[in-house]
Amino acid sequence: MAVTPTRRPSRLRKRIAEVELSKIGPHDLRHTAVSIMIAAGIPLAVVSKTLRLSNLAITVDLYGHLLKDSADEAVVARTAALDRADAGHAASTCLLAAAA
């Protein structure tokens, strides 16, 4: 049987009742899907296009709070890069001093 837009909610409600989930609607599933995509590292622009939102700013406004871990990861990556640069600079300074 074909699934039409008017049949989808009733089929969803039926399946939810069968597996004894609390009441959940299509919009809740949409938010869940976005949360999963962001947690998986999908670029926000791709998430926004998947949602068919008119612009990226709307996606950031709605789901930006989920990016906190991403911001923390960026700080860790930046710190590691600076540490590597410092270590490389120290090593080259030692080589120059040894050559002198």
N, C-alpha and C. Protein backbone atom coordinates (compact mmCIF):
# COMPACT_ATOMS: atom_id res chain seq x y z
N MET A 1 0.84 -1.18 0.00
CA MET A 1 0.00 0.00 0.00
C MET A 1 0.89 1.25 0.00
N ALA A 2 0.58 2.17 -0.85
CA ALA A 2 1.36 3.40 -0.96
C ALA A 2 1.15 4.27 0.28
N VAL A 3 2.21 4.94 0.66
CA VAL A 3 2.12 5.85 1.80
C VAL A 3 1.88 7.25 1.25
N THR A 4 0.76 7.82 1.62
CA THR A 4 0.44 9.18 1.19
C THR A 4 0.65 10.11 2.38
N PRO A 5 0.81 11.40 2.11
CA PRO A 5 1.04 12.33 3.23
C PRO A 5 -0.03 12.26 4.31
N THR A 6 -1.27 12.00 3.94
CA THR A 6 -2.34 11.95 4.95
C THR A 6 -2.29 10.65 5.75
N ARG A 7 -1.69 9.60 5.20
CA ARG A 7 -1.62 8.32 5.89
C ARG A 7 -0.37 8.22 6.79
N ARG A 8 0.63 8.99 6.48
CA ARG A 8 1.89 8.88 7.22
C ARG A 8 1.73 9.06 8.73
N PRO A 9 1.09 10.14 9.20
CA PRO A 9 0.97 10.32 10.65
C PRO A 9 0.24 9.16 11.33
N SER A 10 -0.81 8.65 10.71
CA SER A 10 -1.54 7.56 11.35
C SER A 10 -0.70 6.29 11.39
N ARG A 11 0.06 6.02 10.34
CA ARG A 11 0.95 4.85 10.34
C ARG A 11 2.05 5.01 11.38
N LEU A 12 2.57 6.23 11.50
CA LEU A 12 3.60 6.50 12.49
C LEU A 12 3.04 6.28 13.90
N ARG A 13 1.87 6.82 14.16
CA ARG A 13 1.26 6.63 15.48
C ARG A 13 1.03 5.15 15.78
N LYS A 14 0.62 4.39 14.78
CA LYS A 14 0.38 2.96 14.96
C LYS A 14 1.68 2.24 15.32
N ARG A 15 2.77 2.54 14.60
CA ARG A 15 4.06 1.90 14.89
C ARG A 15 4.57 2.30 16.27
N ILE A 16 4.39 3.55 16.64
CA ILE A 16 4.82 4.02 17.96
C ILE A 16 4.09 3.26 19.06
N ALA A 17 2.80 3.06 18.87
CA ALA A 17 2.00 2.31 19.85
C ALA A 17 2.46 0.85 19.90
N GLU A 18 2.79 0.27 18.75
CA GLU A 18 3.22 -1.12 18.70
C GLU A 18 4.51 -1.35 19.48
N VAL A 19 5.44 -0.40 19.40
CA VAL A 19 6.72 -0.57 20.11
C VAL A 19 6.73 0.13 21.47
N GLU A 20 5.57 0.64 21.85
CA GLU A 20 5.35 1.25 23.17
C GLU A 20 6.28 2.43 23.47
N LEU A 21 6.46 3.28 22.47
CA LEU A 21 7.20 4.51 22.68
C LEU A 21 6.25 5.58 23.18
N SER A 22 6.81 6.59 23.82
CA SER A 22 5.97 7.71 24.20
C SER A 22 5.56 8.45 22.93
N LYS A 23 4.58 9.32 23.06
CA LYS A 23 4.07 10.03 21.89
C LYS A 23 5.21 10.80 21.22
N ILE A 24 5.37 10.57 19.95
CA ILE A 24 6.41 11.25 19.17
C ILE A 24 5.83 11.53 17.79
N GLY A 25 6.11 12.71 17.30
CA GLY A 25 5.57 13.09 16.01
C GLY A 25 6.65 13.28 14.96
N PRO A 26 6.25 13.53 13.73
CA PRO A 26 7.22 13.72 12.66
C PRO A 26 8.21 14.86 12.95
N HIS A 27 7.74 15.92 13.60
CA HIS A 27 8.63 17.04 13.89
C HIS A 27 9.70 16.62 14.91
N ASP A 28 9.30 15.79 15.88
CA ASP A 28 10.28 15.27 16.85
C ASP A 28 11.33 14.43 16.14
N LEU A 29 10.90 13.64 15.19
CA LEU A 29 11.83 12.81 14.43
C LEU A 29 12.80 13.68 13.62
N ARG A 30 12.29 14.79 13.11
CA ARG A 30 13.13 15.71 12.36
C ARG A 30 14.24 16.26 13.25
N HIS A 31 13.87 16.70 14.47
CA HIS A 31 14.87 17.21 15.40
C HIS A 31 15.87 16.12 15.79
N THR A 32 15.39 14.92 15.96
CA THR A 32 16.28 13.81 16.29
C THR A 32 17.27 13.56 15.16
N ALA A 33 16.77 13.56 13.93
CA ALA A 33 17.64 13.34 12.77
C ALA A 33 18.71 14.42 12.69
N VAL A 34 18.34 15.66 12.94
CA VAL A 34 19.31 16.77 12.91
C VAL A 34 20.36 16.57 14.00
N SER A 35 19.93 16.20 15.19
CA SER A 35 20.87 15.97 16.29
C SER A 35 21.87 14.88 15.93
N ILE A 36 21.39 13.82 15.31
CA ILE A 36 22.26 12.72 14.91
C ILE A 36 23.25 13.19 13.84
N MET A 37 22.75 13.96 12.86
CA MET A 37 23.64 14.44 11.79
C MET A 37 24.74 15.34 12.36
N ILE A 38 24.37 16.25 13.26
CA ILE A 38 25.35 17.16 13.84
C ILE A 38 26.36 16.38 14.68
N ALA A 39 25.88 15.43 15.47
CA ALA A 39 26.77 14.61 16.30
C ALA A 39 27.73 13.79 15.44
N ALA A 40 27.28 13.42 14.23
CA ALA A 40 28.11 12.63 13.33
C ALA A 40 29.11 13.49 12.57
N GLY A 41 29.03 14.80 12.76
CA GLY A 41 29.99 15.69 12.11
C GLY A 41 29.59 16.12 10.71
N ILE A 42 28.33 15.94 10.35
CA ILE A 42 27.86 16.40 9.04
C ILE A 42 27.93 17.93 9.04
N PRO A 43 28.52 18.52 8.00
CA PRO A 43 28.60 19.99 7.96
C PRO A 43 27.22 20.64 8.09
N LEU A 44 27.16 21.73 8.82
CA LEU A 44 25.89 22.40 9.07
C LEU A 44 25.20 22.83 7.78
N ALA A 45 25.97 23.20 6.78
CA ALA A 45 25.37 23.58 5.49
C ALA A 45 24.62 22.40 4.87
N VAL A 46 25.17 21.20 5.01
CA VAL A 46 24.50 20.01 4.48
C VAL A 46 23.23 19.71 5.29
N VAL A 47 23.33 19.84 6.60
CA VAL A 47 22.16 19.65 7.46
C VAL A 47 21.06 20.62 7.07
N SER A 48 21.44 21.87 6.86
CA SER A 48 20.47 22.90 6.49
C SER A 48 19.78 22.58 5.17
N LYS A 49 20.56 22.13 4.19
CA LYS A 49 19.97 21.77 2.90
C LYS A 49 19.06 20.56 3.03
N THR A 50 19.46 19.60 3.86
CA THR A 50 18.64 18.41 4.08
C THR A 50 17.29 18.80 4.67
N LEU A 51 17.31 19.78 5.57
CA LEU A 51 16.07 20.25 6.19
C LEU A 51 15.25 21.15 5.27
N ARG A 52 15.89 21.56 4.18
CA ARG A 52 15.27 22.50 3.23
C ARG A 52 14.91 23.83 3.90
N LEU A 53 15.82 24.26 4.78
CA LEU A 53 15.63 25.58 5.40
C LEU A 53 16.11 26.64 4.42
N SER A 54 15.55 27.83 4.52
CA SER A 54 15.83 28.86 3.53
C SER A 54 17.26 29.40 3.62
N ASN A 55 17.86 29.36 4.81
CA ASN A 55 19.26 29.79 4.92
C ASN A 55 19.93 29.16 6.13
N LEU A 56 21.23 29.20 6.11
CA LEU A 56 22.05 28.58 7.15
C LEU A 56 21.84 29.22 8.52
N ALA A 57 21.54 30.51 8.54
CA ALA A 57 21.35 31.21 9.82
C ALA A 57 20.20 30.60 10.62
N ILE A 58 19.16 30.17 9.95
CA ILE A 58 18.03 29.54 10.65
C ILE A 58 18.50 28.25 11.31
N THR A 59 19.31 27.47 10.60
CA THR A 59 19.82 26.22 11.15
C THR A 59 20.68 26.49 12.38
N VAL A 60 21.54 27.50 12.29
CA VAL A 60 22.39 27.85 13.42
C VAL A 60 21.55 28.33 14.60
N ASP A 61 20.53 29.14 14.32
CA ASP A 61 19.65 29.62 15.40
C ASP A 61 18.95 28.46 16.10
N LEU A 62 18.47 27.49 15.32
CA LEU A 62 17.71 26.38 15.90
C LEU A 62 18.58 25.32 16.55
N TYR A 63 19.73 25.05 15.96
CA TYR A 63 20.53 23.90 16.40
C TYR A 63 21.95 24.26 16.82
N GLY A 64 22.26 25.54 16.90
CA GLY A 64 23.61 25.96 17.28
C GLY A 64 24.05 25.46 18.63
N HIS A 65 23.10 25.28 19.55
CA HIS A 65 23.45 24.79 20.88
C HIS A 65 24.04 23.38 20.84
N LEU A 66 23.79 22.65 19.76
CA LEU A 66 24.34 21.31 19.63
C LEU A 66 25.80 21.32 19.18
N LEU A 67 26.29 22.49 18.81
CA LEU A 67 27.65 22.60 18.30
C LEU A 67 28.67 22.84 19.40
N LYS A 68 28.28 22.85 20.67
CA LYS A 68 29.20 23.12 21.76
C LYS A 68 30.37 22.15 21.74
N ASP A 69 30.09 20.86 21.56
CA ASP A 69 31.17 19.88 21.51
C ASP A 69 32.10 20.17 20.34
N SER A 70 31.53 20.61 19.23
CA SER A 70 32.35 20.94 18.07
C SER A 70 33.29 22.09 18.40
N ALA A 71 32.79 23.07 19.12
CA ALA A 71 33.62 24.21 19.51
C ALA A 71 34.74 23.75 20.44
N ASP A 72 34.40 22.87 21.38
CA ASP A 72 35.42 22.34 22.29
C ASP A 72 36.49 21.57 21.51
N GLU A 73 36.05 20.77 20.54
CA GLU A 73 36.99 20.01 19.71
C GLU A 73 37.89 20.94 18.90
N ALA A 74 37.34 22.06 18.44
CA ALA A 74 38.12 23.03 17.68
C ALA A 74 39.21 23.65 18.56
N VAL A 75 38.87 23.94 19.81
CA VAL A 75 39.85 24.51 20.74
C VAL A 75 40.97 23.51 20.98
N VAL A 76 40.62 22.25 21.17
CA VAL A 76 41.64 21.20 21.40
C VAL A 76 42.54 21.08 20.16
N ALA A 77 41.93 21.07 18.97
CA ALA A 77 42.72 20.95 17.73
C ALA A 77 43.64 22.15 17.54
N ARG A 78 43.12 23.34 17.82
CA ARG A 78 43.94 24.55 17.68
C ARG A 78 45.10 24.54 18.66
N THR A 79 44.83 24.13 19.91
CA THR A 79 45.88 24.05 20.92
C THR A 79 46.96 23.05 20.51
N ALA A 80 46.53 21.90 20.00
CA ALA A 80 47.50 20.89 19.56
C ALA A 80 48.35 21.42 18.40
N ALA A 81 47.72 22.14 17.47
CA ALA A 81 48.46 22.70 16.34
C ALA A 81 49.48 23.73 16.82
N LEU A 82 49.10 24.57 17.76
CA LEU A 82 50.03 25.57 18.30
C LEU A 82 51.17 24.89 19.07
N ASP A 83 50.85 23.84 19.81
CA ASP A 83 51.91 23.10 20.52
C ASP A 83 52.90 22.49 19.54
N ARG A 84 52.39 21.93 18.43
CA ARG A 84 53.29 21.35 17.42
C ARG A 84 54.15 22.44 16.79
N ALA A 85 53.55 23.60 16.54
CA ALA A 85 54.31 24.71 15.95
C ALA A 85 55.39 25.18 16.92
N ASP A 86 55.04 25.27 18.20
CA ASP A 86 56.04 25.67 19.20
C ASP A 86 57.16 24.65 19.28
N ALA A 87 56.82 23.37 19.25
CA ALA A 87 57.84 22.31 19.32
C ALA A 87 58.74 22.38 18.10
N GLY A 88 58.17 22.62 16.92
CA GLY A 88 58.96 22.74 15.70
C GLY A 88 59.88 23.95 15.74
N HIS A 89 59.36 25.05 16.27
CA HIS A 89 60.16 26.27 16.39
C HIS A 89 61.32 26.05 17.37
N ALA A 90 61.03 25.38 18.50
CA ALA A 90 62.08 25.11 19.49
C ALA A 90 63.16 24.21 18.90
N ALA A 91 62.74 23.22 18.13
CA ALA A 91 63.70 22.29 17.52
C ALA A 91 64.58 23.03 16.51
N SER A 92 63.99 23.88 15.69
CA SER A 92 64.79 24.61 14.70
C SER A 92 65.71 25.62 15.37
N THR A 93 65.30 26.19 16.49
CA THR A 93 66.15 27.12 17.24
C THR A 93 67.35 26.38 17.81
N CYS A 94 67.10 25.14 18.31
CA CYS A 94 68.19 24.34 18.86
C CYS A 94 69.18 23.98 17.76
N LEU A 95 68.68 23.64 16.58
CA LEU A 95 69.56 23.29 15.46
C LEU A 95 70.41 24.49 15.05
N LEU A 96 69.80 25.68 15.01
CA LEU A 96 70.55 26.88 14.65
C LEU A 96 71.62 27.19 15.71
N ALA A 97 71.26 27.01 16.96
CA ALA A 97 72.22 27.29 18.04
C ALA A 97 73.37 26.29 18.01
N ALA A 98 73.08 25.04 17.69
CA ALA A 98 74.13 24.02 17.61
C ALA A 98 75.07 24.26 16.43
N ALA A 99 74.55 24.81 15.36
CA ALA A 99 75.35 25.07 14.16
C ALA A 99 76.26 26.27 14.34
N ALA A 100 75.90 27.16 15.26
CA ALA A 100 76.68 28.39 15.46
C ALA A 100 77.93 28.19 16.23
